[in-house]
Amino acid sequence: MARYYDAVTLKAANKTTVDQNEKVIDCSGLGGFNHIILDCSKCTSEVMFSIDIPFSDSPKKILYVSPKFVFDEYIRGSKLYYKCATGSNEFNYVLL
């Protein structure tokens, strides 16, 4: 059973469609996030994610989440940029 002091604030959660156009989930007005869960278990191609830096600015660190994979890690940031190299996919996300 979770205790009150174990609880974290949900910043954003939803299902979204991703294609070759860069999109962003902006949590900067909510104080950012410390934990991300990216559910790409129903994706058919790799999805790319960048924390706080748009792809147009050539980020040095890009997360590549493979199809059929759930990425669940403690990563701090305020904006989550995402896109596909090819095709389109739908994924679920939770930002805490």
PDB file of N, CA and C in Angstrom:
ATOM      1  N   MET A   1       0.838  -1.174   0.000  1.00  0.00           N
ATOM      2  CA  MET A   1       0.000   0.000   0.000  1.00  0.00           C
ATOM      3  C   MET A   1       0.885   1.241   0.000  1.00  0.00           C
ATOM      4  N   ALA A   2       0.572   2.183  -0.873  1.00  0.00           N
ATOM      5  CA  ALA A   2       1.349   3.427  -0.953  1.00  0.00           C
ATOM      6  C   ALA A   2       1.006   4.328   0.231  1.00  0.00           C
ATOM      7  N   ARG A   3       1.996   5.019   0.689  1.00  0.00           N
ATOM      8  CA  ARG A   3       1.795   5.985   1.759  1.00  0.00           C
ATOM      9  C   ARG A   3       1.764   7.384   1.161  1.00  0.00           C
ATOM     10  N   TYR A   4       1.203   8.325   1.864  1.00  0.00           N
ATOM     11  CA  TYR A   4       1.057   9.684   1.354  1.00  0.00           C
ATOM     12  C   TYR A   4       2.397  10.266   0.920  1.00  0.00           C
ATOM     13  N   TYR A   5       3.427  10.075   1.714  1.00  0.00           N
ATOM     14  CA  TYR A   5       4.717  10.682   1.384  1.00  0.00           C
ATOM     15  C   TYR A   5       5.412   9.980   0.212  1.00  0.00           C
ATOM     16  N   ASP A   6       4.881   8.831  -0.239  1.00  0.00           N
ATOM     17  CA  ASP A   6       5.407   8.175  -1.432  1.00  0.00           C
ATOM     18  C   ASP A   6       4.804   8.745  -2.713  1.00  0.00           C
ATOM     19  N   ALA A   7       3.720   9.471  -2.576  1.00  0.00           N
ATOM     20  CA  ALA A   7       2.987   9.962  -3.748  1.00  0.00           C
ATOM     21  C   ALA A   7       3.798  11.031  -4.481  1.00  0.00           C
ATOM     22  N   VAL A   8       3.653  11.033  -5.809  1.00  0.00           N
ATOM     23  CA  VAL A   8       4.272  12.057  -6.636  1.00  0.00           C
ATOM     24  C   VAL A   8       3.170  12.727  -7.450  1.00  0.00           C
ATOM     25  N   THR A   9       3.431  13.921  -7.899  1.00  0.00           N
ATOM     26  CA  THR A   9       2.446  14.678  -8.653  1.00  0.00           C
ATOM     27  C   THR A   9       2.486  14.286 -10.119  1.00  0.00           C
ATOM     28  N   LEU A  10       1.345  13.946 -10.662  1.00  0.00           N
ATOM     29  CA  LEU A  10       1.213  13.642 -12.078  1.00  0.00           C
ATOM     30  C   LEU A  10       1.284  14.949 -12.861  1.00  0.00           C
ATOM     31  N   LYS A  11       2.233  15.054 -13.773  1.00  0.00           N
ATOM     32  CA  LYS A  11       2.398  16.272 -14.578  1.00  0.00           C
ATOM     33  C   LYS A  11       1.625  16.169 -15.883  1.00  0.00           C
ATOM     34  N   ALA A  12       1.680  14.997 -16.529  1.00  0.00           N
ATOM     35  CA  ALA A  12       0.970  14.801 -17.796  1.00  0.00           C
ATOM     36  C   ALA A  12       0.837  13.309 -18.058  1.00  0.00           C
ATOM     37  N   ALA A  13      -0.271  12.923 -18.673  1.00  0.00           N
ATOM     38  CA  ALA A  13      -0.491  11.535 -19.083  1.00  0.00           C
ATOM     39  C   ALA A  13      -1.505  11.546 -20.209  1.00  0.00           C
ATOM     40  N   ASN A  14      -1.222  10.747 -21.242  1.00  0.00           N
ATOM     41  CA  ASN A  14      -2.135  10.726 -22.381  1.00  0.00           C
ATOM     42  C   ASN A  14      -1.663   9.689 -23.389  1.00  0.00           C
ATOM     43  N   LYS A  15      -2.438   9.552 -24.442  1.00  0.00           N
ATOM     44  CA  LYS A  15      -2.074   8.754 -25.608  1.00  0.00           C
ATOM     45  C   LYS A  15      -1.924   9.745 -26.753  1.00  0.00           C
ATOM     46  N   THR A  16      -0.889   9.607 -27.556  1.00  0.00           N
ATOM     47  CA  THR A  16      -0.667  10.556 -28.642  1.00  0.00           C
ATOM     48  C   THR A  16      -0.150   9.842 -29.887  1.00  0.00           C
ATOM     49  N   THR A  17      -0.328  10.492 -31.013  1.00  0.00           N
ATOM     50  CA  THR A  17       0.179   9.984 -32.284  1.00  0.00           C
ATOM     51  C   THR A  17       1.454  10.737 -32.633  1.00  0.00           C
ATOM     52  N   VAL A  18       2.435  10.003 -33.103  1.00  0.00           N
ATOM     53  CA  VAL A  18       3.725  10.588 -33.460  1.00  0.00           C
ATOM     54  C   VAL A  18       4.022  10.265 -34.920  1.00  0.00           C
ATOM     55  N   ASP A  19       4.587  11.241 -35.635  1.00  0.00           N
ATOM     56  CA  ASP A  19       4.996  11.047 -37.026  1.00  0.00           C
ATOM     57  C   ASP A  19       6.352  11.728 -37.213  1.00  0.00           C
ATOM     58  N   GLN A  20       6.720  12.102 -38.433  1.00  0.00           N
ATOM     59  CA  GLN A  20       8.028  12.720 -38.674  1.00  0.00           C
ATOM     60  C   GLN A  20       8.081  14.185 -38.261  1.00  0.00           C
ATOM     61  N   ASN A  21       6.960  14.768 -37.909  1.00  0.00           N
ATOM     62  CA  ASN A  21       6.938  16.160 -37.454  1.00  0.00           C
ATOM     63  C   ASN A  21       7.198  16.224 -35.961  1.00  0.00           C
ATOM     64  N   GLU A  22       8.136  17.066 -35.568  1.00  0.00           N
ATOM     65  CA  GLU A  22       8.489  17.225 -34.161  1.00  0.00           C
ATOM     66  C   GLU A  22       7.314  17.787 -33.374  1.00  0.00           C
ATOM     67  N   LYS A  23       7.036  17.184 -32.226  1.00  0.00           N
ATOM     68  CA  LYS A  23       5.996  17.667 -31.314  1.00  0.00           C
ATOM     69  C   LYS A  23       6.597  17.756 -29.927  1.00  0.00           C
ATOM     70  N   VAL A  24       5.924  18.488 -29.030  1.00  0.00           N
ATOM     71  CA  VAL A  24       6.466  18.664 -27.682  1.00  0.00           C
ATOM     72  C   VAL A  24       5.351  18.565 -26.646  1.00  0.00           C
ATOM     73  N   ILE A  25       5.706  17.987 -25.510  1.00  0.00           N
ATOM     74  CA  ILE A  25       4.856  17.995 -24.327  1.00  0.00           C
ATOM     75  C   ILE A  25       5.566  18.931 -23.359  1.00  0.00           C
ATOM     76  N   ASP A  26       4.924  20.044 -23.024  1.00  0.00           N
ATOM     77  CA  ASP A  26       5.560  21.094 -22.220  1.00  0.00           C
ATOM     78  C   ASP A  26       5.023  21.074 -20.793  1.00  0.00           C
ATOM     79  N   CYS A  27       5.882  20.731 -19.851  1.00  0.00           N
ATOM     80  CA  CYS A  27       5.526  20.715 -18.430  1.00  0.00           C
ATOM     81  C   CYS A  27       6.250  21.807 -17.657  1.00  0.00           C
ATOM     82  N   SER A  28       6.805  22.792 -18.364  1.00  0.00           N
ATOM     83  CA  SER A  28       7.585  23.831 -17.694  1.00  0.00           C
ATOM     84  C   SER A  28       6.734  24.661 -16.746  1.00  0.00           C
ATOM     85  N   GLY A  29       5.467  24.857 -17.057  1.00  0.00           N
ATOM     86  CA  GLY A  29       4.578  25.605 -16.164  1.00  0.00           C
ATOM     87  C   GLY A  29       4.183  24.826 -14.921  1.00  0.00           C
ATOM     88  N   LEU A  30       4.482  23.536 -14.901  1.00  0.00           N
ATOM     89  CA  LEU A  30       4.142  22.677 -13.764  1.00  0.00           C
ATOM     90  C   LEU A  30       5.369  22.307 -12.934  1.00  0.00           C
ATOM     91  N   GLY A  31       6.491  22.928 -13.218  1.00  0.00           N
ATOM     92  CA  GLY A  31       7.712  22.637 -12.479  1.00  0.00           C
ATOM     93  C   GLY A  31       8.533  21.497 -13.060  1.00  0.00           C
ATOM     94  N   GLY A  32       8.192  21.066 -14.263  1.00  0.00           N
ATOM     95  CA  GLY A  32       8.943  20.000 -14.918  1.00  0.00           C
ATOM     96  C   GLY A  32       8.549  18.620 -14.422  1.00  0.00           C
ATOM     97  N   PHE A  33       9.306  17.616 -14.854  1.00  0.00           N
ATOM     98  CA  PHE A  33       9.048  16.245 -14.450  1.00  0.00           C
ATOM     99  C   PHE A  33      10.343  15.591 -14.002  1.00  0.00           C
ATOM    100  N   ASN A  34      10.231  14.530 -13.218  1.00  0.00           N
ATOM    101  CA  ASN A  34      11.384  13.796 -12.698  1.00  0.00           C
ATOM    102  C   ASN A  34      11.386  12.333 -13.104  1.00  0.00           C
ATOM    103  N   HIS A  35      10.301  11.866 -13.688  1.00  0.00           N
ATOM    104  CA  HIS A  35      10.151  10.447 -14.018  1.00  0.00           C
ATOM    105  C   HIS A  35       9.307  10.364 -15.282  1.00  0.00           C
ATOM    106  N   ILE A  36       9.734   9.546 -16.239  1.00  0.00           N
ATOM    107  CA  ILE A  36       8.947   9.380 -17.467  1.00  0.00           C
ATOM    108  C   ILE A  36       8.684   7.905 -17.729  1.00  0.00           C
ATOM    109  N   ILE A  37       7.487   7.643 -18.222  1.00  0.00           N
ATOM    110  CA  ILE A  37       7.110   6.308 -18.678  1.00  0.00           C
ATOM    111  C   ILE A  37       6.590   6.481 -20.100  1.00  0.00           C
ATOM    112  N   LEU A  38       7.246   5.821 -21.037  1.00  0.00           N
ATOM    113  CA  LEU A  38       6.888   5.906 -22.448  1.00  0.00           C
ATOM    114  C   LEU A  38       6.524   4.503 -22.914  1.00  0.00           C
ATOM    115  N   ASP A  39       5.257   4.276 -23.179  1.00  0.00           N
ATOM    116  CA  ASP A  39       4.763   2.961 -23.569  1.00  0.00           C
ATOM    117  C   ASP A  39       4.664   2.875 -25.086  1.00  0.00           C
ATOM    118  N   CYS A  40       5.676   2.285 -25.703  1.00  0.00           N
ATOM    119  CA  CYS A  40       5.710   2.108 -27.157  1.00  0.00           C
ATOM    120  C   CYS A  40       5.416   0.658 -27.526  1.00  0.00           C
ATOM    121  N   SER A  41       4.698  -0.048 -26.664  1.00  0.00           N
ATOM    122  CA  SER A  41       4.449  -1.471 -26.868  1.00  0.00           C
ATOM    123  C   SER A  41       3.585  -1.763 -28.091  1.00  0.00           C
ATOM    124  N   LYS A  42       2.851  -0.773 -28.583  1.00  0.00           N
ATOM    125  CA  LYS A  42       2.020  -0.975 -29.773  1.00  0.00           C
ATOM    126  C   LYS A  42       2.608  -0.296 -31.012  1.00  0.00           C
ATOM    127  N   CYS A  43       3.808   0.245 -30.889  1.00  0.00           N
ATOM    128  CA  CYS A  43       4.466   0.916 -32.024  1.00  0.00           C
ATOM    129  C   CYS A  43       5.014  -0.105 -33.012  1.00  0.00           C
ATOM    130  N   THR A  44       5.110   0.311 -34.256  1.00  0.00           N
ATOM    131  CA  THR A  44       5.660  -0.556 -35.293  1.00  0.00           C
ATOM    132  C   THR A  44       7.046  -0.098 -35.750  1.00  0.00           C
ATOM    133  N   SER A  45       7.470   1.090 -35.324  1.00  0.00           N
ATOM    134  CA  SER A  45       8.813   1.573 -35.643  1.00  0.00           C
ATOM    135  C   SER A  45       9.353   2.357 -34.448  1.00  0.00           C
ATOM    136  N   GLU A  46      10.639   2.623 -34.479  1.00  0.00           N
ATOM    137  CA  GLU A  46      11.319   3.313 -33.390  1.00  0.00           C
ATOM    138  C   GLU A  46      10.811   4.750 -33.231  1.00  0.00           C
ATOM    139  N   VAL A  47      10.688   5.197 -31.976  1.00  0.00           N
ATOM    140  CA  VAL A  47      10.283   6.569 -31.666  1.00  0.00           C
ATOM    141  C   VAL A  47      11.459   7.264 -30.983  1.00  0.00           C
ATOM    142  N   MET A  48      11.718   8.520 -31.379  1.00  0.00           N
ATOM    143  CA  MET A  48      12.840   9.289 -30.842  1.00  0.00           C
ATOM    144  C   MET A  48      12.314  10.336 -29.859  1.00  0.00           C
ATOM    145  N   PHE A  49      13.017  10.490 -28.737  1.00  0.00           N
ATOM    146  CA  PHE A  49      12.650  11.462 -27.720  1.00  0.00           C
ATOM    147  C   PHE A  49      13.871  12.294 -27.355  1.00  0.00           C
ATOM    148  N   SER A  50      13.645  13.570 -27.066  1.00  0.00           N
ATOM    149  CA  SER A  50      14.702  14.464 -26.612  1.00  0.00           C
ATOM    150  C   SER A  50      14.160  15.253 -25.423  1.00  0.00           C
ATOM    151  N   ILE A  51      14.976  15.376 -24.390  1.00  0.00           N
ATOM    152  CA  ILE A  51      14.570  16.098 -23.190  1.00  0.00           C
ATOM    153  C   ILE A  51      15.074  17.537 -23.272  1.00  0.00           C
ATOM    154  N   ASP A  52      14.155  18.479 -23.259  1.00  0.00           N
ATOM    155  CA  ASP A  52      14.422  19.926 -23.190  1.00  0.00           C
ATOM    156  C   ASP A  52      15.073  20.552 -24.427  1.00  0.00           C
ATOM    157  N   ILE A  53      15.538  19.766 -25.389  1.00  0.00           N
ATOM    158  CA  ILE A  53      16.199  20.335 -26.569  1.00  0.00           C
ATOM    159  C   ILE A  53      15.460  19.876 -27.827  1.00  0.00           C
ATOM    160  N   PRO A  54      14.943  20.803 -28.627  1.00  0.00           N
ATOM    161  CA  PRO A  54      14.255  20.401 -29.861  1.00  0.00           C
ATOM    162  C   PRO A  54      15.204  19.691 -30.830  1.00  0.00           C
ATOM    163  N   PHE A  55      14.654  18.811 -31.636  1.00  0.00           N
ATOM    164  CA  PHE A  55      15.468  18.107 -32.631  1.00  0.00           C
ATOM    165  C   PHE A  55      16.094  19.095 -33.616  1.00  0.00           C
ATOM    166  N   SER A  56      15.414  20.203 -33.865  1.00  0.00           N
ATOM    167  CA  SER A  56      15.941  21.219 -34.779  1.00  0.00           C
ATOM    168  C   SER A  56      17.227  21.847 -34.251  1.00  0.00           C
ATOM    169  N   ASP A  57      17.483  21.741 -32.932  1.00  0.00           N
ATOM    170  CA  ASP A  57      18.714  22.253 -32.321  1.00  0.00           C
ATOM    171  C   ASP A  57      19.786  21.177 -32.210  1.00  0.00           C
ATOM    172  N   SER A  58      19.602  20.040 -32.864  1.00  0.00           N
ATOM    173  CA  SER A  58      20.558  18.920 -32.880  1.00  0.00           C
ATOM    174  C   SER A  58      20.990  18.480 -31.481  1.00  0.00           C
ATOM    175  N   PRO A  59      20.075  17.907 -30.708  1.00  0.00           N
ATOM    176  CA  PRO A  59      20.455  17.472 -29.355  1.00  0.00           C
ATOM    177  C   PRO A  59      21.514  16.375 -29.405  1.00  0.00           C
ATOM    178  N   LYS A  60      22.382  16.363 -28.426  1.00  0.00           N
ATOM    179  CA  LYS A  60      23.456  15.368 -28.355  1.00  0.00           C
ATOM    180  C   LYS A  60      22.946  14.041 -27.793  1.00  0.00           C
ATOM    181  N   LYS A  61      21.882  14.101 -26.971  1.00  0.00           N
ATOM    182  CA  LYS A  61      21.353  12.893 -26.334  1.00  0.00           C
ATOM    183  C   LYS A  61      19.909  12.690 -26.771  1.00  0.00           C
ATOM    184  N   ILE A  62      19.679  11.625 -27.514  1.00  0.00           N
ATOM    185  CA  ILE A  62      18.339  11.291 -27.993  1.00  0.00           C
ATOM    186  C   ILE A  62      18.008   9.889 -27.494  1.00  0.00           C
ATOM    187  N   LEU A  63      16.814   9.729 -26.946  1.00  0.00           N
ATOM    188  CA  LEU A  63      16.335   8.414 -26.534  1.00  0.00           C
ATOM    189  C   LEU A  63      15.642   7.771 -27.722  1.00  0.00           C
ATOM    190  N   TYR A  64      16.064   6.585 -28.090  1.00  0.00           N
ATOM    191  CA  TYR A  64      15.417   5.826 -29.147  1.00  0.00           C
ATOM    192  C   TYR A  64      14.679   4.674 -28.476  1.00  0.00           C
ATOM    193  N   VAL A  65      13.355   4.707 -28.528  1.00  0.00           N
ATOM    194  CA  VAL A  65      12.568   3.651 -27.899  1.00  0.00           C
ATOM    195  C   VAL A  65      12.080   2.706 -28.985  1.00  0.00           C
ATOM    196  N   SER A  66      12.481   1.465 -28.855  1.00  0.00           N
ATOM    197  CA  SER A  66      12.158   0.436 -29.846  1.00  0.00           C
ATOM    198  C   SER A  66      10.688   0.041 -29.777  1.00  0.00           C
ATOM    199  N   PRO A  67      10.168  -0.473 -30.892  1.00  0.00           N
ATOM    200  CA  PRO A  67       8.804  -0.988 -30.883  1.00  0.00           C
ATOM    201  C   PRO A  67       8.659  -2.104 -29.847  1.00  0.00           C
ATOM    202  N   LYS A  68       7.476  -2.204 -29.274  1.00  0.00           N
ATOM    203  CA  LYS A  68       7.141  -3.236 -28.283  1.00  0.00           C
ATOM    204  C   LYS A  68       7.876  -3.045 -26.966  1.00  0.00           C
ATOM    205  N   PHE A  69       8.366  -1.837 -26.671  1.00  0.00           N
ATOM    206  CA  PHE A  69       9.152  -1.578 -25.474  1.00  0.00           C
ATOM    207  C   PHE A  69       8.483  -0.509 -24.616  1.00  0.00           C
ATOM    208  N   VAL A  70       8.620  -0.631 -23.296  1.00  0.00           N
ATOM    209  CA  VAL A  70       8.153   0.397 -22.355  1.00  0.00           C
ATOM    210  C   VAL A  70       9.393   0.965 -21.666  1.00  0.00           C
ATOM    211  N   PHE A  71       9.602   2.257 -21.814  1.00  0.00           N
ATOM    212  CA  PHE A  71      10.731   2.954 -21.206  1.00  0.00           C
ATOM    213  C   PHE A  71      10.232   3.581 -19.909  1.00  0.00           C
ATOM    214  N   ASP A  72      10.840   3.224 -18.783  1.00  0.00           N
ATOM    215  CA  ASP A  72      10.403   3.688 -17.460  1.00  0.00           C
ATOM    216  C   ASP A  72      11.643   4.065 -16.667  1.00  0.00           C
ATOM    217  N   GLU A  73      11.945   5.361 -16.607  1.00  0.00           N
ATOM    218  CA  GLU A  73      13.173   5.816 -15.944  1.00  0.00           C
ATOM    219  C   GLU A  73      12.965   7.146 -15.230  1.00  0.00           C
ATOM    220  N   TYR A  74      13.860   7.415 -14.298  1.00  0.00           N
ATOM    221  CA  TYR A  74      13.881   8.700 -13.600  1.00  0.00           C
ATOM    222  C   TYR A  74      14.776   9.646 -14.388  1.00  0.00           C
ATOM    223  N   ILE A  75      14.160  10.565 -15.085  1.00  0.00           N
ATOM    224  CA  ILE A  75      14.870  11.557 -15.886  1.00  0.00           C
ATOM    225  C   ILE A  75      14.218  12.906 -15.615  1.00  0.00           C
ATOM    226  N   ARG A  76      15.019  13.903 -15.364  1.00  0.00           N
ATOM    227  CA  ARG A  76      14.517  15.241 -15.048  1.00  0.00           C
ATOM    228  C   ARG A  76      14.475  16.102 -16.302  1.00  0.00           C
ATOM    229  N   GLY A  77      13.406  16.883 -16.446  1.00  0.00           N
ATOM    230  CA  GLY A  77      13.280  17.799 -17.566  1.00  0.00           C
ATOM    231  C   GLY A  77      11.992  18.597 -17.470  1.00  0.00           C
ATOM    232  N   SER A  78      11.772  19.465 -18.434  1.00  0.00           N
ATOM    233  CA  SER A  78      10.528  20.241 -18.450  1.00  0.00           C
ATOM    234  C   SER A  78       9.777  20.100 -19.777  1.00  0.00           C
ATOM    235  N   LYS A  79      10.494  19.717 -20.842  1.00  0.00           N
ATOM    236  CA  LYS A  79       9.854  19.525 -22.148  1.00  0.00           C
ATOM    237  C   LYS A  79      10.303  18.195 -22.736  1.00  0.00           C
ATOM    238  N   LEU A  80       9.344  17.466 -23.293  1.00  0.00           N
ATOM    239  CA  LEU A  80       9.642  16.192 -23.941  1.00  0.00           C
ATOM    240  C   LEU A  80       9.306  16.324 -25.415  1.00  0.00           C
ATOM    241  N   TYR A  81      10.345  16.324 -26.251  1.00  0.00           N
ATOM    242  CA  TYR A  81      10.175  16.403 -27.702  1.00  0.00           C
ATOM    243  C   TYR A  81      10.148  14.990 -28.255  1.00  0.00           C
ATOM    244  N   TYR A  82       9.334  14.757 -29.285  1.00  0.00           N
ATOM    245  CA  TYR A  82       9.246  13.414 -29.849  1.00  0.00           C
ATOM    246  C   TYR A  82       8.913  13.455 -31.330  1.00  0.00           C
ATOM    247  N   LYS A  83       9.372  12.403 -32.050  1.00  0.00           N
ATOM    248  CA  LYS A  83       9.054  12.224 -33.466  1.00  0.00           C
ATOM    249  C   LYS A  83       9.524  10.840 -33.900  1.00  0.00           C
ATOM    250  N   CYS A  84       9.111  10.418 -35.082  1.00  0.00           N
ATOM    251  CA  CYS A  84       9.539   9.144 -35.684  1.00  0.00           C
ATOM    252  C   CYS A  84      10.467   9.459 -36.853  1.00  0.00           C
ATOM    253  N   ALA A  85      11.378   8.570 -37.117  1.00  0.00           N
ATOM    254  CA  ALA A  85      12.222   8.715 -38.310  1.00  0.00           C
ATOM    255  C   ALA A  85      11.415   8.356 -39.553  1.00  0.00           C
ATOM    256  N   THR A  86      10.563   7.333 -39.424  1.00  0.00           N
ATOM    257  CA  THR A  86       9.708   6.912 -40.532  1.00  0.00           C
ATOM    258  C   THR A  86       8.348   6.493 -39.990  1.00  0.00           C
ATOM    259  N   GLY A  87       7.336   6.580 -40.843  1.00  0.00           N
ATOM    260  CA  GLY A  87       6.003   6.117 -40.478  1.00  0.00           C
ATOM    261  C   GLY A  87       5.357   6.939 -39.379  1.00  0.00           C
ATOM    262  N   SER A  88       4.350   6.346 -38.762  1.00  0.00           N
ATOM    263  CA  SER A  88       3.683   6.984 -37.626  1.00  0.00           C
ATOM    264  C   SER A  88       3.331   5.908 -36.613  1.00  0.00           C
ATOM    265  N   ASN A  89       3.226   6.303 -35.381  1.00  0.00           N
ATOM    266  CA  ASN A  89       2.935   5.404 -34.268  1.00  0.00           C
ATOM    267  C   ASN A  89       2.020   6.095 -33.278  1.00  0.00           C
ATOM    268  N   GLU A  90       1.490   5.315 -32.371  1.00  0.00           N
ATOM    269  CA  GLU A  90       0.710   5.845 -31.257  1.00  0.00           C
ATOM    270  C   GLU A  90       1.336   5.282 -29.986  1.00  0.00           C
ATOM    271  N   PHE A  91       1.556   6.135 -28.990  1.00  0.00           N
ATOM    272  CA  PHE A  91       2.133   5.668 -27.738  1.00  0.00           C
ATOM    273  C   PHE A  91       1.459   6.367 -26.571  1.00  0.00           C
ATOM    274  N   ASN A  92       1.595   5.751 -25.394  1.00  0.00           N
ATOM    275  CA  ASN A  92       1.097   6.322 -24.148  1.00  0.00           C
ATOM    276  C   ASN A  92       2.285   6.896 -23.382  1.00  0.00           C
ATOM    277  N   TYR A  93       2.030   7.963 -22.621  1.00  0.00           N
ATOM    278  CA  TYR A  93       3.101   8.525 -21.804  1.00  0.00           C
ATOM    279  C   TYR A  93       2.563   8.957 -20.457  1.00  0.00           C
ATOM    280  N   VAL A  94       3.435   8.928 -19.477  1.00  0.00           N
ATOM    281  CA  VAL A  94       3.155   9.435 -18.136  1.00  0.00           C
ATOM    282  C   VAL A  94       4.380  10.215 -17.701  1.00  0.00           C
ATOM    283  N   LEU A  95       4.175  11.453 -17.296  1.00  0.00           N
ATOM    284  CA  LEU A  95       5.261  12.302 -16.788  1.00  0.00           C
ATOM    285  C   LEU A  95       4.934  12.634 -15.337  1.00  0.00           C
ATOM    286  N   LEU A  96       5.849  12.299 -14.446  1.00  0.00           N
ATOM    287  CA  LEU A  96       5.653  12.522 -13.017  1.00  0.00           C
ATOM    288  C   LEU A  96       6.703  13.485 -12.483  1.00  0.00           C
TER     289      LEU A  96
END
